């Protein structure tokens, strides 16, 4: 029996048929590499190009933050659901961090499963 984490595809772990899905299914995180502690900054997450049809679409994006020094990680920062045909899997969020860490975006495709991207964010005082 696999752990849940083993069921999530990443560009580094995709194999077989999943290799051909890396570009169209892996979320992309656009955010600065360095931010000031306590100041708002923008994070954009998107997947695609990807179909937005009932039979094949990105249905959900979740953003987690692994905070350095925190006892229990990660923190769920945001969760967005998308309705096929009407929406595209792209969101922009305003975040405020006080410690450095790693953002993890998880996207869910109803045909091709869960896909992960990550981005390190360094917080300066």
PDB file of N, CA and C in Angstrom:
ATOM      1  N   UNK A   1       0.849  -1.173   0.000  1.00  0.00           N
ATOM      2  CA  UNK A   1       0.000   0.000   0.000  1.00  0.00           C
ATOM      3  C   UNK A   1       0.896   1.237   0.000  1.00  0.00           C
ATOM      4  N   UNK A   2       0.644   2.171  -0.917  1.00  0.00           N
ATOM      5  CA  UNK A   2       1.435   3.393  -1.023  1.00  0.00           C
ATOM      6  C   UNK A   2       0.944   4.448  -0.043  1.00  0.00           C
ATOM      7  N   UNK A   3       1.866   5.307   0.399  1.00  0.00           N
ATOM      8  CA  UNK A   3       1.451   6.455   1.197  1.00  0.00           C
ATOM      9  C   UNK A   3       0.824   7.472   0.235  1.00  0.00           C
ATOM     10  N   UNK A   4       0.019   8.378   0.780  1.00  0.00           N
ATOM     11  CA  UNK A   4      -0.664   9.355  -0.065  1.00  0.00           C
ATOM     12  C   UNK A   4       0.344  10.189  -0.857  1.00  0.00           C
ATOM     13  N   UNK A   5       1.448  10.562  -0.229  1.00  0.00           N
ATOM     14  CA  UNK A   5       2.470  11.357  -0.903  1.00  0.00           C
ATOM     15  C   UNK A   5       3.038  10.691  -2.147  1.00  0.00           C
ATOM     16  N   UNK A   6       3.066   9.363  -2.158  1.00  0.00           N
ATOM     17  CA  UNK A   6       3.573   8.632  -3.315  1.00  0.00           C
ATOM     18  C   UNK A   6       2.618   8.694  -4.510  1.00  0.00           C
ATOM     19  N   UNK A   7       1.408   9.171  -4.287  1.00  0.00           N
ATOM     20  CA  UNK A   7       0.410   9.261  -5.353  1.00  0.00           C
ATOM     21  C   UNK A   7       0.428  10.613  -6.059  1.00  0.00           C
ATOM     22  N   UNK A   8       1.266  11.525  -5.592  1.00  0.00           N
ATOM     23  CA  UNK A   8       1.336  12.873  -6.166  1.00  0.00           C
ATOM     24  C   UNK A   8       2.483  12.921  -7.165  1.00  0.00           C
ATOM     25  N   UNK A   9       2.173  13.350  -8.395  1.00  0.00           N
ATOM     26  CA  UNK A   9       3.185  13.452  -9.435  1.00  0.00           C
ATOM     27  C   UNK A   9       3.959  14.767  -9.297  1.00  0.00           C
ATOM     28  N   UNK A  10       5.245  14.699  -9.586  1.00  0.00           N
ATOM     29  CA  UNK A  10       6.083  15.895  -9.692  1.00  0.00           C
ATOM     30  C   UNK A  10       6.888  15.755 -10.981  1.00  0.00           C
ATOM     31  N   UNK A  11       7.440  16.851 -11.488  1.00  0.00           N
ATOM     32  CA  UNK A  11       8.283  16.716 -12.684  1.00  0.00           C
ATOM     33  C   UNK A  11       9.448  15.751 -12.469  1.00  0.00           C
ATOM     34  N   UNK A  12       9.942  15.661 -11.234  1.00  0.00           N
ATOM     35  CA  UNK A  12      11.078  14.782 -10.947  1.00  0.00           C
ATOM     36  C   UNK A  12      10.689  13.309 -10.833  1.00  0.00           C
ATOM     37  N   UNK A  13       9.450  13.024 -10.440  1.00  0.00           N
ATOM     38  CA  UNK A  13       9.061  11.632 -10.196  1.00  0.00           C
ATOM     39  C   UNK A  13       8.140  11.045 -11.254  1.00  0.00           C
ATOM     40  N   UNK A  14       7.645  11.868 -12.172  1.00  0.00           N
ATOM     41  CA  UNK A  14       6.735  11.352 -13.207  1.00  0.00           C
ATOM     42  C   UNK A  14       7.460  10.322 -14.060  1.00  0.00           C
ATOM     43  N   UNK A  15       6.752   9.235 -14.361  1.00  0.00           N
ATOM     44  CA  UNK A  15       7.329   8.203 -15.218  1.00  0.00           C
ATOM     45  C   UNK A  15       6.234   7.642 -16.114  1.00  0.00           C
ATOM     46  N   UNK A  16       6.647   6.860 -17.089  1.00  0.00           N
ATOM     47  CA  UNK A  16       5.678   6.262 -18.001  1.00  0.00           C
ATOM     48  C   UNK A  16       4.848   7.316 -18.714  1.00  0.00           C
ATOM     49  N   UNK A  17       3.551   7.068 -18.813  1.00  0.00           N
ATOM     50  CA  UNK A  17       2.638   7.986 -19.496  1.00  0.00           C
ATOM     51  C   UNK A  17       2.598   9.370 -18.841  1.00  0.00           C
ATOM     52  N   UNK A  18       2.852   9.442 -17.525  1.00  0.00           N
ATOM     53  CA  UNK A  18       2.784  10.713 -16.796  1.00  0.00           C
ATOM     54  C   UNK A  18       3.825  11.726 -17.283  1.00  0.00           C
ATOM     55  N   UNK A  19       4.939  11.251 -17.845  1.00  0.00           N
ATOM     56  CA  UNK A  19       5.963  12.171 -18.345  1.00  0.00           C
ATOM     57  C   UNK A  19       5.378  13.117 -19.384  1.00  0.00           C
ATOM     58  N   UNK A  20       4.482  12.632 -20.214  1.00  0.00           N
ATOM     59  CA  UNK A  20       3.888  13.479 -21.259  1.00  0.00           C
ATOM     60  C   UNK A  20       2.891  14.490 -20.695  1.00  0.00           C
ATOM     61  N   UNK A  21       2.556  14.390 -19.417  1.00  0.00           N
ATOM     62  CA  UNK A  21       1.576  15.294 -18.798  1.00  0.00           C
ATOM     63  C   UNK A  21       2.224  16.364 -17.922  1.00  0.00           C
ATOM     64  N   UNK A  22       3.535  16.303 -17.736  1.00  0.00           N
ATOM     65  CA  UNK A  22       4.220  17.206 -16.818  1.00  0.00           C
ATOM     66  C   UNK A  22       3.952  18.674 -17.156  1.00  0.00           C
ATOM     67  N   UNK A  23       4.155  19.080 -18.409  1.00  0.00           N
ATOM     68  CA  UNK A  23       4.007  20.495 -18.785  1.00  0.00           C
ATOM     69  C   UNK A  23       2.575  21.007 -18.630  1.00  0.00           C
ATOM     70  N   UNK A  24       1.607  20.187 -18.927  1.00  0.00           N
ATOM     71  CA  UNK A  24       0.215  20.655 -18.901  1.00  0.00           C
ATOM     72  C   UNK A  24      -0.486  20.450 -17.561  1.00  0.00           C
ATOM     73  N   UNK A  25       0.147  19.739 -16.617  1.00  0.00           N
ATOM     74  CA  UNK A  25      -0.519  19.435 -15.350  1.00  0.00           C
ATOM     75  C   UNK A  25       0.188  19.959 -14.104  1.00  0.00           C
ATOM     76  N   UNK A  26       1.493  20.214 -14.175  1.00  0.00           N
ATOM     77  CA  UNK A  26       2.218  20.706 -13.012  1.00  0.00           C
ATOM     78  C   UNK A  26       1.883  22.170 -12.771  1.00  0.00           C
ATOM     79  N   UNK A  27       1.420  22.525 -11.575  1.00  0.00           N
ATOM     80  CA  UNK A  27       1.152  23.945 -11.286  1.00  0.00           C
ATOM     81  C   UNK A  27       2.433  24.769 -11.409  1.00  0.00           C
ATOM     82  N   UNK A  28       2.272  26.026 -11.758  1.00  0.00           N
ATOM     83  CA  UNK A  28       3.383  26.968 -11.783  1.00  0.00           C
ATOM     84  C   UNK A  28       3.130  28.018 -10.713  1.00  0.00           C
ATOM     85  N   UNK A  29       4.134  28.272  -9.910  1.00  0.00           N
ATOM     86  CA  UNK A  29       4.044  29.258  -8.841  1.00  0.00           C
ATOM     87  C   UNK A  29       4.902  30.454  -9.233  1.00  0.00           C
ATOM     88  N   UNK A  30       4.272  31.603  -9.406  1.00  0.00           N
ATOM     89  CA  UNK A  30       4.990  32.844  -9.676  1.00  0.00           C
ATOM     90  C   UNK A  30       4.959  33.673  -8.405  1.00  0.00           C
ATOM     91  N   UNK A  31       6.130  33.851  -7.796  1.00  0.00           N
ATOM     92  CA  UNK A  31       6.259  34.615  -6.553  1.00  0.00           C
ATOM     93  C   UNK A  31       7.701  35.078  -6.447  1.00  0.00           C
ATOM     94  N   UNK A  32       7.932  36.131  -5.678  1.00  0.00           N
ATOM     95  CA  UNK A  32       9.318  36.576  -5.503  1.00  0.00           C
ATOM     96  C   UNK A  32      10.137  35.544  -4.721  1.00  0.00           C
ATOM     97  N   UNK A  33      11.442  35.542  -4.947  1.00  0.00           N
ATOM     98  CA  UNK A  33      12.335  34.647  -4.210  1.00  0.00           C
ATOM     99  C   UNK A  33      12.534  35.125  -2.779  1.00  0.00           C
ATOM    100  N   UNK A  34      12.487  36.451  -2.601  1.00  0.00           N
ATOM    101  CA  UNK A  34      12.738  37.062  -1.298  1.00  0.00           C
ATOM    102  C   UNK A  34      11.640  38.075  -1.004  1.00  0.00           C
ATOM    103  N   UNK A  35      11.134  38.074   0.238  1.00  0.00           N
ATOM    104  CA  UNK A  35      10.120  39.042   0.665  1.00  0.00           C
ATOM    105  C   UNK A  35      10.517  39.607   2.026  1.00  0.00           C
ATOM    106  N   UNK A  36       9.929  40.747   2.372  1.00  0.00           N
ATOM    107  CA  UNK A  36      10.165  41.331   3.688  1.00  0.00           C
ATOM    108  C   UNK A  36       9.169  40.763   4.683  1.00  0.00           C
ATOM    109  N   UNK A  37       9.635  40.488   5.881  1.00  0.00           N
ATOM    110  CA  UNK A  37       8.786  39.927   6.935  1.00  0.00           C
ATOM    111  C   UNK A  37       7.570  40.810   7.172  1.00  0.00           C
ATOM    112  N   UNK A  38       6.405  40.193   7.176  1.00  0.00           N
ATOM    113  CA  UNK A  38       5.169  40.883   7.494  1.00  0.00           C
ATOM    114  C   UNK A  38       4.572  41.723   6.390  1.00  0.00           C
ATOM    115  N   UNK A  39       5.217  41.827   5.241  1.00  0.00           N
ATOM    116  CA  UNK A  39       4.687  42.641   4.139  1.00  0.00           C
ATOM    117  C   UNK A  39       3.969  41.763   3.122  1.00  0.00           C
ATOM    118  N   UNK A  40       2.847  42.286   2.609  1.00  0.00           N
ATOM    119  CA  UNK A  40       2.083  41.549   1.598  1.00  0.00           C
ATOM    120  C   UNK A  40       2.873  41.430   0.301  1.00  0.00           C
ATOM    121  N   UNK A  41       2.718  40.288  -0.351  1.00  0.00           N
ATOM    122  CA  UNK A  41       3.270  40.091  -1.686  1.00  0.00           C
ATOM    123  C   UNK A  41       2.308  39.201  -2.463  1.00  0.00           C
ATOM    124  N   UNK A  42       2.420  39.238  -3.771  1.00  0.00           N
ATOM    125  CA  UNK A  42       1.520  38.485  -4.648  1.00  0.00           C
ATOM    126  C   UNK A  42       2.110  37.129  -5.015  1.00  0.00           C
ATOM    127  N   UNK A  43       1.229  36.143  -5.064  1.00  0.00           N
ATOM    128  CA  UNK A  43       1.566  34.798  -5.533  1.00  0.00           C
ATOM    129  C   UNK A  43       0.521  34.426  -6.584  1.00  0.00           C
ATOM    130  N   UNK A  44       0.993  34.007  -7.730  1.00  0.00           N
ATOM    131  CA  UNK A  44       0.101  33.566  -8.808  1.00  0.00           C
ATOM    132  C   UNK A  44       0.344  32.082  -9.036  1.00  0.00           C
ATOM    133  N   UNK A  45      -0.735  31.313  -9.114  1.00  0.00           N
ATOM    134  CA  UNK A  45      -0.648  29.878  -9.374  1.00  0.00           C
ATOM    135  C   UNK A  45      -1.506  29.592 -10.596  1.00  0.00           C
ATOM    136  N   UNK A  46      -0.929  28.818 -11.514  1.00  0.00           N
ATOM    137  CA  UNK A  46      -1.693  28.476 -12.721  1.00  0.00           C
ATOM    138  C   UNK A  46      -1.271  27.114 -13.227  1.00  0.00           C
ATOM    139  N   UNK A  47      -2.174  26.501 -13.983  1.00  0.00           N
ATOM    140  CA  UNK A  47      -1.922  25.203 -14.604  1.00  0.00           C
ATOM    141  C   UNK A  47      -2.320  25.320 -16.063  1.00  0.00           C
ATOM    142  N   UNK A  48      -1.494  24.760 -16.922  1.00  0.00           N
ATOM    143  CA  UNK A  48      -1.903  24.731 -18.321  1.00  0.00           C
ATOM    144  C   UNK A  48      -0.827  25.189 -19.273  1.00  0.00           C
ATOM    145  N   UNK A  49      -1.228  25.207 -20.534  1.00  0.00           N
ATOM    146  CA  UNK A  49      -2.602  25.081 -21.027  1.00  0.00           C
ATOM    147  C   UNK A  49      -3.172  23.689 -20.756  1.00  0.00           C
ATOM    148  N   UNK A  50      -4.435  23.693 -20.366  1.00  0.00           N
ATOM    149  CA  UNK A  50      -5.123  22.471 -19.995  1.00  0.00           C
ATOM    150  C   UNK A  50      -6.588  22.595 -20.383  1.00  0.00           C
ATOM    151  N   UNK A  51      -7.232  21.508 -20.847  1.00  0.00           N
ATOM    152  CA  UNK A  51      -8.664  21.576 -21.169  1.00  0.00           C
ATOM    153  C   UNK A  51      -9.502  21.961 -19.947  1.00  0.00           C
ATOM    154  N   UNK A  52     -10.618  22.590 -20.197  1.00  0.00           N
ATOM    155  CA  UNK A  52     -11.583  22.897 -19.139  1.00  0.00           C
ATOM    156  C   UNK A  52     -12.938  22.360 -19.573  1.00  0.00           C
ATOM    157  N   UNK A  53     -12.998  21.046 -19.690  1.00  0.00           N
ATOM    158  CA  UNK A  53     -14.223  20.354 -20.108  1.00  0.00           C
ATOM    159  C   UNK A  53     -14.702  19.487 -18.958  1.00  0.00           C
ATOM    160  N   UNK A  54     -15.964  19.154 -18.957  1.00  0.00           N
ATOM    161  CA  UNK A  54     -16.522  18.312 -17.903  1.00  0.00           C
ATOM    162  C   UNK A  54     -15.757  16.992 -17.827  1.00  0.00           C
ATOM    163  N   UNK A  55     -15.416  16.436 -18.969  1.00  0.00           N
ATOM    164  CA  UNK A  55     -14.748  15.136 -18.979  1.00  0.00           C
ATOM    165  C   UNK A  55     -13.243  15.212 -18.684  1.00  0.00           C
ATOM    166  N   UNK A  56     -12.649  16.417 -18.711  1.00  0.00           N
ATOM    167  CA  UNK A  56     -11.207  16.562 -18.447  1.00  0.00           C
ATOM    168  C   UNK A  56     -10.910  18.003 -18.051  1.00  0.00           C
ATOM    169  N   UNK A  57     -10.578  18.197 -16.777  1.00  0.00           N
ATOM    170  CA  UNK A  57     -10.299  19.558 -16.310  1.00  0.00           C
ATOM    171  C   UNK A  57      -9.537  19.532 -14.986  1.00  0.00           C
ATOM    172  N   UNK A  58      -8.926  20.675 -14.677  1.00  0.00           N
ATOM    173  CA  UNK A  58      -8.330  20.883 -13.363  1.00  0.00           C
ATOM    174  C   UNK A  58      -9.471  21.311 -12.451  1.00  0.00           C
ATOM    175  N   UNK A  59      -9.729  20.552 -11.408  1.00  0.00           N
ATOM    176  CA  UNK A  59     -10.867  20.815 -10.541  1.00  0.00           C
ATOM    177  C   UNK A  59     -10.502  21.536  -9.255  1.00  0.00           C
ATOM    178  N   UNK A  60      -9.200  21.472  -8.873  1.00  0.00           N
ATOM    179  CA  UNK A  60      -8.845  22.037  -7.568  1.00  0.00           C
ATOM    180  C   UNK A  60      -7.366  22.430  -7.549  1.00  0.00           C
ATOM    181  N   UNK A  61      -7.080  23.529  -6.858  1.00  0.00           N
ATOM    182  CA  UNK A  61      -5.714  23.931  -6.529  1.00  0.00           C
ATOM    183  C   UNK A  61      -5.651  24.194  -5.035  1.00  0.00           C
ATOM    184  N   UNK A  62      -4.593  23.724  -4.407  1.00  0.00           N
ATOM    185  CA  UNK A  62      -4.363  24.007  -2.992  1.00  0.00           C
ATOM    186  C   UNK A  62      -2.955  24.566  -2.843  1.00  0.00           C
ATOM    187  N   UNK A  63      -2.809  25.514  -1.932  1.00  0.00           N
ATOM    188  CA  UNK A  63      -1.505  26.095  -1.652  1.00  0.00           C
ATOM    189  C   UNK A  63      -1.177  25.860  -0.187  1.00  0.00           C
ATOM    190  N   UNK A  64      -0.012  25.279   0.052  1.00  0.00           N
ATOM    191  CA  UNK A  64       0.479  24.989   1.402  1.00  0.00           C
ATOM    192  C   UNK A  64       1.780  25.745   1.615  1.00  0.00           C
ATOM    193  N   UNK A  65       2.074  26.021   2.898  1.00  0.00           N
ATOM    194  CA  UNK A  65       3.345  26.652   3.240  1.00  0.00           C
ATOM    195  C   UNK A  65       4.033  25.850   4.320  1.00  0.00           C
ATOM    196  N   UNK A  66       5.259  25.418   4.027  1.00  0.00           N
ATOM    197  CA  UNK A  66       6.116  24.751   5.002  1.00  0.00           C
ATOM    198  C   UNK A  66       6.978  25.837   5.623  1.00  0.00           C
ATOM    199  N   UNK A  67       6.694  26.171   6.869  1.00  0.00           N
ATOM    200  CA  UNK A  67       7.369  27.280   7.545  1.00  0.00           C
ATOM    201  C   UNK A  67       8.542  26.769   8.371  1.00  0.00           C
ATOM    202  N   UNK A  68       9.725  27.341   8.129  1.00  0.00           N
ATOM    203  CA  UNK A  68      10.909  26.942   8.896  1.00  0.00           C
ATOM    204  C   UNK A  68      10.677  27.153  10.392  1.00  0.00           C
ATOM    205  N   UNK A  69      11.038  26.141  11.182  1.00  0.00           N
ATOM    206  CA  UNK A  69      10.943  26.246  12.623  1.00  0.00           C
ATOM    207  C   UNK A  69       9.585  25.935  13.218  1.00  0.00           C
ATOM    208  N   UNK A  70       8.581  25.701  12.400  1.00  0.00           N
ATOM    209  CA  UNK A  70       7.235  25.389  12.892  1.00  0.00           C
ATOM    210  C   UNK A  70       7.181  23.919  13.310  1.00  0.00           C
ATOM    211  N   UNK A  71       6.532  23.647  14.396  1.00  0.00           N
ATOM    212  CA  UNK A  71       6.445  22.286  14.906  1.00  0.00           C
ATOM    213  C   UNK A  71       5.709  21.325  13.994  1.00  0.00           C
ATOM    214  N   UNK A  72       4.605  21.748  13.436  1.00  0.00           N
ATOM    215  CA  UNK A  72       3.804  20.895  12.562  1.00  0.00           C
ATOM    216  C   UNK A  72       3.586  21.616  11.247  1.00  0.00           C
ATOM    217  N   UNK A  73       3.985  20.981  10.172  1.00  0.00           N
ATOM    218  CA  UNK A  73       3.897  21.542   8.831  1.00  0.00           C
ATOM    219  C   UNK A  73       3.227  20.553   7.911  1.00  0.00           C
ATOM    220  N   UNK A  74       2.680  21.005   6.803  1.00  0.00           N
ATOM    221  CA  UNK A  74       2.567  22.377   6.323  1.00  0.00           C
ATOM    222  C   UNK A  74       1.269  23.031   6.784  1.00  0.00           C
ATOM    223  N   UNK A  75       1.158  24.332   6.511  1.00  0.00           N
ATOM    224  CA  UNK A  75      -0.062  25.102   6.777  1.00  0.00           C
ATOM    225  C   UNK A  75      -0.836  25.194   5.461  1.00  0.00           C
ATOM    226  N   UNK A  76      -2.123  24.892   5.487  1.00  0.00           N
ATOM    227  CA  UNK A  76      -2.966  25.103   4.304  1.00  0.00           C
ATOM    228  C   UNK A  76      -3.239  26.592   4.199  1.00  0.00           C
ATOM    229  N   UNK A  77      -2.766  27.221   3.130  1.00  0.00           N
ATOM    230  CA  UNK A  77      -2.905  28.663   2.940  1.00  0.00           C
ATOM    231  C   UNK A  77      -4.181  28.994   2.159  1.00  0.00           C
ATOM    232  N   UNK A  78      -4.470  28.195   1.128  1.00  0.00           N
ATOM    233  CA  UNK A  78      -5.652  28.461   0.304  1.00  0.00           C
ATOM    234  C   UNK A  78      -6.069  27.187  -0.416  1.00  0.00           C
ATOM    235  N   UNK A  79      -7.364  27.113  -0.705  1.00  0.00           N
ATOM    236  CA  UNK A  79      -7.926  25.998  -1.445  1.00  0.00           C
ATOM    237  C   UNK A  79      -8.980  26.553  -2.396  1.00  0.00           C
ATOM    238  N   UNK A  80      -8.832  26.254  -3.677  1.00  0.00           N
ATOM    239  CA  UNK A  80      -9.739  26.785  -4.688  1.00  0.00           C
ATOM    240  C   UNK A  80     -10.309  25.653  -5.531  1.00  0.00           C
ATOM    241  N   UNK A  81     -11.611  25.678  -5.752  1.00  0.00           N
ATOM    242  CA  UNK A  81     -12.251  24.696  -6.620  1.00  0.00           C
ATOM    243  C   UNK A  81     -12.678  25.379  -7.910  1.00  0.00           C
ATOM    244  N   UNK A  82     -12.577  24.635  -9.015  1.00  0.00           N
ATOM    245  CA  UNK A  82     -12.896  25.183 -10.325  1.00  0.00           C
ATOM    246  C   UNK A  82     -14.012  24.375 -10.982  1.00  0.00           C
ATOM    247  N   UNK A  83     -14.929  25.064 -11.607  1.00  0.00           N
ATOM    248  CA  UNK A  83     -16.020  24.433 -12.335  1.00  0.00           C
ATOM    249  C   UNK A  83     -15.623  24.357 -13.804  1.00  0.00           C
ATOM    250  N   UNK A  84     -15.628  23.154 -14.381  1.00  0.00           N
ATOM    251  CA  UNK A  84     -15.253  23.028 -15.790  1.00  0.00           C
ATOM    252  C   UNK A  84     -16.116  23.923 -16.678  1.00  0.00           C
ATOM    253  N   UNK A  85     -15.581  24.299 -17.803  1.00  0.00           N
ATOM    254  CA  UNK A  85     -16.194  25.134 -18.828  1.00  0.00           C
ATOM    255  C   UNK A  85     -16.170  26.609 -18.411  1.00  0.00           C
ATOM    256  N   UNK A  86     -16.530  26.924 -17.183  1.00  0.00           N
ATOM    257  CA  UNK A  86     -16.657  28.316 -16.731  1.00  0.00           C
ATOM    258  C   UNK A  86     -15.357  28.926 -16.219  1.00  0.00           C
ATOM    259  N   UNK A  87     -14.412  28.092 -15.797  1.00  0.00           N
ATOM    260  CA  UNK A  87     -13.217  28.625 -15.154  1.00  0.00           C
ATOM    261  C   UNK A  87     -11.938  28.069 -15.762  1.00  0.00           C
ATOM    262  N   UNK A  88     -10.861  28.764 -15.491  1.00  0.00           N
ATOM    263  CA  UNK A  88      -9.515  28.310 -15.829  1.00  0.00           C
ATOM    264  C   UNK A  88      -8.733  28.205 -14.520  1.00  0.00           C
ATOM    265  N   UNK A  89      -7.814  27.260 -14.406  1.00  0.00           N
ATOM    266  CA  UNK A  89      -7.071  27.060 -13.163  1.00  0.00           C
ATOM    267  C   UNK A  89      -5.940  28.080 -12.997  1.00  0.00           C
ATOM    268  N   UNK A  90      -6.326  29.290 -12.630  1.00  0.00           N
ATOM    269  CA  UNK A  90      -5.370  30.365 -12.402  1.00  0.00           C
ATOM    270  C   UNK A  90      -5.902  31.267 -11.300  1.00  0.00           C
ATOM    271  N   UNK A  91      -5.056  31.526 -10.291  1.00  0.00           N
ATOM    272  CA  UNK A  91      -5.459  32.389  -9.177  1.00  0.00           C
ATOM    273  C   UNK A  91      -4.287  33.273  -8.765  1.00  0.00           C
ATOM    274  N   UNK A  92      -4.629  34.402  -8.149  1.00  0.00           N
ATOM    275  CA  UNK A  92      -3.621  35.280  -7.566  1.00  0.00           C
ATOM    276  C   UNK A  92      -4.006  35.543  -6.125  1.00  0.00           C
ATOM    277  N   UNK A  93      -3.040  35.388  -5.233  1.00  0.00           N
ATOM    278  CA  UNK A  93      -3.268  35.563  -3.805  1.00  0.00           C
ATOM    279  C   UNK A  93      -2.302  36.597  -3.250  1.00  0.00           C
ATOM    280  N   UNK A  94      -2.700  37.227  -2.157  1.00  0.00           N
ATOM    281  CA  UNK A  94      -1.802  38.096  -1.407  1.00  0.00           C
ATOM    282  C   UNK A  94      -1.418  37.360  -0.132  1.00  0.00           C
ATOM    283  N   UNK A  95      -0.115  37.191   0.076  1.00  0.00           N
ATOM    284  CA  UNK A  95       0.376  36.479   1.259  1.00  0.00           C
ATOM    285  C   UNK A  95       1.234  37.401   2.108  1.00  0.00           C
ATOM    286  N   UNK A  96       1.329  37.038   3.377  1.00  0.00           N
ATOM    287  CA  UNK A  96       2.191  37.734   4.335  1.00  0.00           C
ATOM    288  C   UNK A  96       2.906  36.657   5.139  1.00  0.00           C
ATOM    289  N   UNK A  97       4.227  36.646   5.087  1.00  0.00           N
ATOM    290  CA  UNK A  97       5.012  35.647   5.804  1.00  0.00           C
ATOM    291  C   UNK A  97       5.944  36.320   6.801  1.00  0.00           C
ATOM    292  N   UNK A  98       6.226  35.628   7.889  1.00  0.00           N
ATOM    293  CA  UNK A  98       7.174  36.123   8.876  1.00  0.00           C
ATOM    294  C   UNK A  98       8.423  35.253   8.963  1.00  0.00           C
ATOM    295  N   UNK A  99       8.367  34.076   8.360  1.00  0.00           N
ATOM    296  CA  UNK A  99       9.512  33.174   8.358  1.00  0.00           C
ATOM    297  C   UNK A  99       9.678  32.590   6.957  1.00  0.00           C
ATOM    298  N   UNK A 100      10.901  32.219   6.647  1.00  0.00           N
ATOM    299  CA  UNK A 100      11.197  31.589   5.362  1.00  0.00           C
ATOM    300  C   UNK A 100      10.583  30.198   5.310  1.00  0.00           C
ATOM    301  N   UNK A 101      10.454  29.675   4.089  1.00  0.00           N
ATOM    302  CA  UNK A 101       9.917  28.331   3.929  1.00  0.00           C
ATOM    303  C   UNK A 101       9.683  27.995   2.471  1.00  0.00           C
ATOM    304  N   UNK A 102       8.815  27.026   2.254  1.00  0.00           N
ATOM    305  CA  UNK A 102       8.547  26.531   0.909  1.00  0.00           C
ATOM    306  C   UNK A 102       7.051  26.531   0.648  1.00  0.00           C
ATOM    307  N   UNK A 103       6.658  27.134  -0.486  1.00  0.00           N
ATOM    308  CA  UNK A 103       5.274  27.065  -0.953  1.00  0.00           C
ATOM    309  C   UNK A 103       5.119  25.788  -1.775  1.00  0.00           C
ATOM    310  N   UNK A 104       4.027  25.065  -1.531  1.00  0.00           N
ATOM    311  CA  UNK A 104       3.676  23.873  -2.302  1.00  0.00           C
ATOM    312  C   UNK A 104       2.315  24.096  -2.927  1.00  0.00           C
ATOM    313  N   UNK A 105       2.234  23.955  -4.247  1.00  0.00           N
ATOM    314  CA  UNK A 105       0.948  24.016  -4.944  1.00  0.00           C
ATOM    315  C   UNK A 105       0.609  22.597  -5.392  1.00  0.00           C
ATOM    316  N   UNK A 106      -0.611  22.172  -5.097  1.00  0.00           N
ATOM    317  CA  UNK A 106      -1.101  20.860  -5.505  1.00  0.00           C
ATOM    318  C   UNK A 106      -2.309  21.089  -6.409  1.00  0.00           C
ATOM    319  N   UNK A 107      -2.246  20.547  -7.619  1.00  0.00           N
ATOM    320  CA  UNK A 107      -3.363  20.644  -8.554  1.00  0.00           C
ATOM    321  C   UNK A 107      -3.972  19.270  -8.757  1.00  0.00           C
ATOM    322  N   UNK A 108      -5.303  19.233  -8.924  1.00  0.00           N
ATOM    323  CA  UNK A 108      -6.006  17.973  -9.146  1.00  0.00           C
ATOM    324  C   UNK A 108      -6.697  17.980 -10.503  1.00  0.00           C
ATOM    325  N   UNK A 109      -6.301  17.049 -11.365  1.00  0.00           N
ATOM    326  CA  UNK A 109      -6.957  16.838 -12.660  1.00  0.00           C
ATOM    327  C   UNK A 109      -7.854  15.613 -12.514  1.00  0.00           C
ATOM    328  N   UNK A 110      -9.096  15.724 -12.965  1.00  0.00           N
ATOM    329  CA  UNK A 110     -10.020  14.614 -12.777  1.00  0.00           C
ATOM    330  C   UNK A 110      -9.630  13.363 -13.573  1.00  0.00           C
ATOM    331  N   UNK A 111      -8.729  13.485 -14.560  1.00  0.00           N
ATOM    332  CA  UNK A 111      -8.264  12.311 -15.303  1.00  0.00           C
ATOM    333  C   UNK A 111      -6.859  11.868 -14.921  1.00  0.00           C
ATOM    334  N   UNK A 112      -6.009  12.825 -14.557  1.00  0.00           N
ATOM    335  CA  UNK A 112      -4.588  12.512 -14.393  1.00  0.00           C
ATOM    336  C   UNK A 112      -4.053  12.747 -12.986  1.00  0.00           C
ATOM    337  N   UNK A 113      -4.941  12.884 -12.012  1.00  0.00           N
ATOM    338  CA  UNK A 113      -4.533  12.888 -10.621  1.00  0.00           C
ATOM    339  C   UNK A 113      -3.932  14.169 -10.085  1.00  0.00           C
ATOM    340  N   UNK A 114      -3.105  14.003  -9.049  1.00  0.00           N
ATOM    341  CA  UNK A 114      -2.528  15.106  -8.288  1.00  0.00           C
ATOM    342  C   UNK A 114      -1.121  15.432  -8.779  1.00  0.00           C
ATOM    343  N   UNK A 115      -0.848  16.746  -8.879  1.00  0.00           N
ATOM    344  CA  UNK A 115       0.438  17.233  -9.368  1.00  0.00           C
ATOM    345  C   UNK A 115       0.956  18.309  -8.429  1.00  0.00           C
ATOM    346  N   UNK A 116       2.251  18.275  -8.156  1.00  0.00           N
ATOM    347  CA  UNK A 116       2.862  19.185  -7.183  1.00  0.00           C
ATOM    348  C   UNK A 116       3.930  20.076  -7.811  1.00  0.00           C
ATOM    349  N   UNK A 117       3.959  21.321  -7.330  1.00  0.00           N
ATOM    350  CA  UNK A 117       5.064  22.246  -7.616  1.00  0.00           C
ATOM    351  C   UNK A 117       5.467  22.872  -6.295  1.00  0.00           C
ATOM    352  N   UNK A 118       6.690  23.377  -6.225  1.00  0.00           N
ATOM    353  CA  UNK A 118       7.143  24.013  -4.990  1.00  0.00           C
ATOM    354  C   UNK A 118       8.072  25.180  -5.303  1.00  0.00           C
ATOM    355  N   UNK A 119       8.097  26.128  -4.369  1.00  0.00           N
ATOM    356  CA  UNK A 119       8.956  27.305  -4.526  1.00  0.00           C
ATOM    357  C   UNK A 119       9.421  27.760  -3.154  1.00  0.00           C
ATOM    358  N   UNK A 120      10.717  27.931  -3.029  1.00  0.00           N
ATOM    359  CA  UNK A 120      11.274  28.421  -1.779  1.00  0.00           C
ATOM    360  C   UNK A 120      11.136  29.934  -1.710  1.00  0.00           C
ATOM    361  N   UNK A 121      10.751  30.423  -0.538  1.00  0.00           N
ATOM    362  CA  UNK A 121      10.608  31.862  -0.288  1.00  0.00           C
ATOM    363  C   UNK A 121      11.496  32.208   0.907  1.00  0.00           C
ATOM    364  N   UNK A 122      12.370  33.171   0.727  1.00  0.00           N
ATOM    365  CA  UNK A 122      13.240  33.610   1.813  1.00  0.00           C
ATOM    366  C   UNK A 122      12.686  34.915   2.375  1.00  0.00           C
ATOM    367  N   UNK A 123      12.505  34.955   3.683  1.00  0.00           N
ATOM    368  CA  UNK A 123      11.978  36.142   4.367  1.00  0.00           C
ATOM    369  C   UNK A 123      13.143  36.862   5.032  1.00  0.00           C
ATOM    370  N   UNK A 124      13.205  38.162   4.763  1.00  0.00           N
ATOM    371  CA  UNK A 124      14.237  38.990   5.399  1.00  0.00           C
ATOM    372  C   UNK A 124      13.556  39.928   6.381  1.00  0.00           C
ATOM    373  N   UNK A 125      14.234  40.211   7.465  1.00  0.00           N
ATOM    374  CA  UNK A 125      13.668  41.061   8.516  1.00  0.00           C
ATOM    375  C   UNK A 125      13.788  42.525   8.165  1.00  0.00           C
TER     376      UNK A 125
END
